């Protein structure tokens, strides 16, 4: 099953993966905000408060992990963009050299 997920992810573009991770991070942040609001507004027992704090810690770590993954993907996206621009420039240069130089001769 894990291999099937990896193969599906390989077919997904970097931009799509960035969008997916941003959505997951937003949901995690929303859940974290709700938990923080609940901890401030509700009267909780010590056990419930500790469970809520543990949950908030886990969500915070998840948000940070997703942030790091997003940084990595954005870096990869920048590299892909620069490669595309470089290929476009090289293609334009070859077009100019081979087609416009033939007309000048």
Protein backbone atom coordinates (compact mmCIF):
# COMPACT_ATOMS: atom_id res chain seq x y z
CA UNK A 1 0.00 0.00 0.00
CA UNK A 2 2.84 2.39 0.84
CA UNK A 3 4.45 1.78 -2.55
CA UNK A 4 1.18 2.56 -4.28
CA UNK A 5 0.95 5.90 -2.44
CA UNK A 6 4.55 6.72 -3.37
CA UNK A 7 3.84 5.98 -7.03
CA UNK A 8 0.76 8.20 -6.97
CA UNK A 9 2.76 11.01 -5.36
CA UNK A 10 5.46 10.72 -8.02
CA UNK A 11 2.83 11.57 -10.64
CA UNK A 12 1.69 14.66 -8.73
CA UNK A 13 3.26 17.97 -9.67
CA UNK A 14 5.24 19.96 -7.14
CA UNK A 15 2.67 22.76 -7.25
CA UNK A 16 -0.17 20.33 -6.48
CA UNK A 17 1.80 18.86 -3.61
CA UNK A 18 2.47 22.36 -2.25
CA UNK A 19 -1.26 23.15 -2.40
CA UNK A 20 -2.09 19.89 -0.62
CA UNK A 21 0.43 20.52 2.16
CA UNK A 22 -0.69 24.13 2.59
CA UNK A 23 -4.26 22.92 3.01
CA UNK A 24 -3.19 20.32 5.60
CA UNK A 25 -1.13 22.93 7.46
CA UNK A 26 -4.08 25.34 7.47
CA UNK A 27 -6.36 22.64 8.91
CA UNK A 28 -3.78 21.81 11.59
CA UNK A 29 -3.42 25.49 12.49
CA UNK A 30 -7.21 25.83 12.73
CA UNK A 31 -7.39 22.81 15.02
CA UNK A 32 -4.58 24.23 17.12
CA UNK A 33 -6.36 27.58 17.44
CA UNK A 34 -9.59 25.83 18.47
CA UNK A 35 -7.71 23.83 21.10
CA UNK A 36 -6.03 26.99 22.43
CA UNK A 37 -9.40 28.75 22.58
CA UNK A 38 -10.88 25.77 24.40
CA UNK A 39 -8.03 25.73 26.93
CA UNK A 40 -8.58 29.42 27.70
CA UNK A 41 -12.38 29.46 27.85
CA UNK A 42 -13.40 26.14 29.36
CA UNK A 43 -13.01 24.90 32.89
CA UNK A 44 -11.02 21.69 32.47
CA UNK A 45 -9.82 19.16 34.97
CA UNK A 46 -6.08 18.74 35.34
CA UNK A 47 -6.19 15.51 33.35
CA UNK A 48 -8.23 17.07 30.53
CA UNK A 49 -5.99 20.13 30.49
CA UNK A 50 -2.87 17.92 30.25
CA UNK A 51 -4.42 15.88 27.41
CA UNK A 52 -5.32 19.09 25.59
CA UNK A 53 -1.79 20.45 26.04
CA UNK A 54 -0.34 17.18 24.74
CA UNK A 55 -2.66 17.37 21.74
CA UNK A 56 -1.63 20.99 21.15
CA UNK A 57 2.05 19.99 21.30
CA UNK A 58 1.49 17.25 18.72
CA UNK A 59 -0.43 19.63 16.44
CA UNK A 60 2.28 22.27 16.81
CA UNK A 61 4.95 19.73 15.83
CA UNK A 62 2.83 18.67 12.86
CA UNK A 63 2.47 22.29 11.72
CA UNK A 64 6.24 22.78 11.98
CA UNK A 65 6.91 19.55 10.06
CA UNK A 66 4.50 20.60 7.30
CA UNK A 67 6.20 24.01 7.20
CA UNK A 68 9.60 22.35 6.67
CA UNK A 69 8.16 20.13 3.93
CA UNK A 70 6.68 23.20 2.26
CA UNK A 71 10.04 24.98 2.38
CA UNK A 72 11.66 21.96 0.69
CA UNK A 73 8.98 21.75 -1.99
CA UNK A 74 9.11 25.48 -2.67
CA UNK A 75 12.87 25.22 -3.11
CA UNK A 76 12.36 22.37 -5.55
CA UNK A 77 9.72 24.42 -7.35
CA UNK A 78 12.18 27.34 -7.68
CA UNK A 79 14.82 25.00 -9.13
CA UNK A 80 12.32 23.63 -11.66
CA UNK A 81 11.32 27.16 -12.65
CA UNK A 82 14.94 28.22 -13.11
CA UNK A 83 15.61 25.11 -15.21
CA UNK A 84 12.58 25.93 -17.38
CA UNK A 85 13.73 29.51 -17.86
CA UNK A 86 17.25 28.32 -18.71
CA UNK A 87 15.87 25.87 -21.30
CA UNK A 88 13.71 28.62 -22.79
CA UNK A 89 16.72 30.94 -23.09
CA UNK A 90 18.87 28.23 -24.67
CA UNK A 91 16.07 27.35 -27.11
CA UNK A 92 15.61 31.01 -28.05
CA UNK A 93 19.36 31.37 -28.53
CA UNK A 94 19.52 28.32 -30.82
CA UNK A 95 16.50 29.56 -32.76
CA UNK A 96 18.12 32.93 -33.24
CA UNK A 97 21.51 31.47 -34.23
CA UNK A 98 20.17 28.91 -36.71
CA UNK A 99 17.23 30.73 -38.29
CA UNK A 100 18.12 34.41 -38.23
CA UNK A 101 21.74 33.88 -39.17
CA UNK A 102 20.67 31.88 -42.25
CA UNK A 103 18.52 34.82 -43.42
CA UNK A 104 21.45 37.25 -43.01
CA UNK A 105 23.74 35.14 -45.24
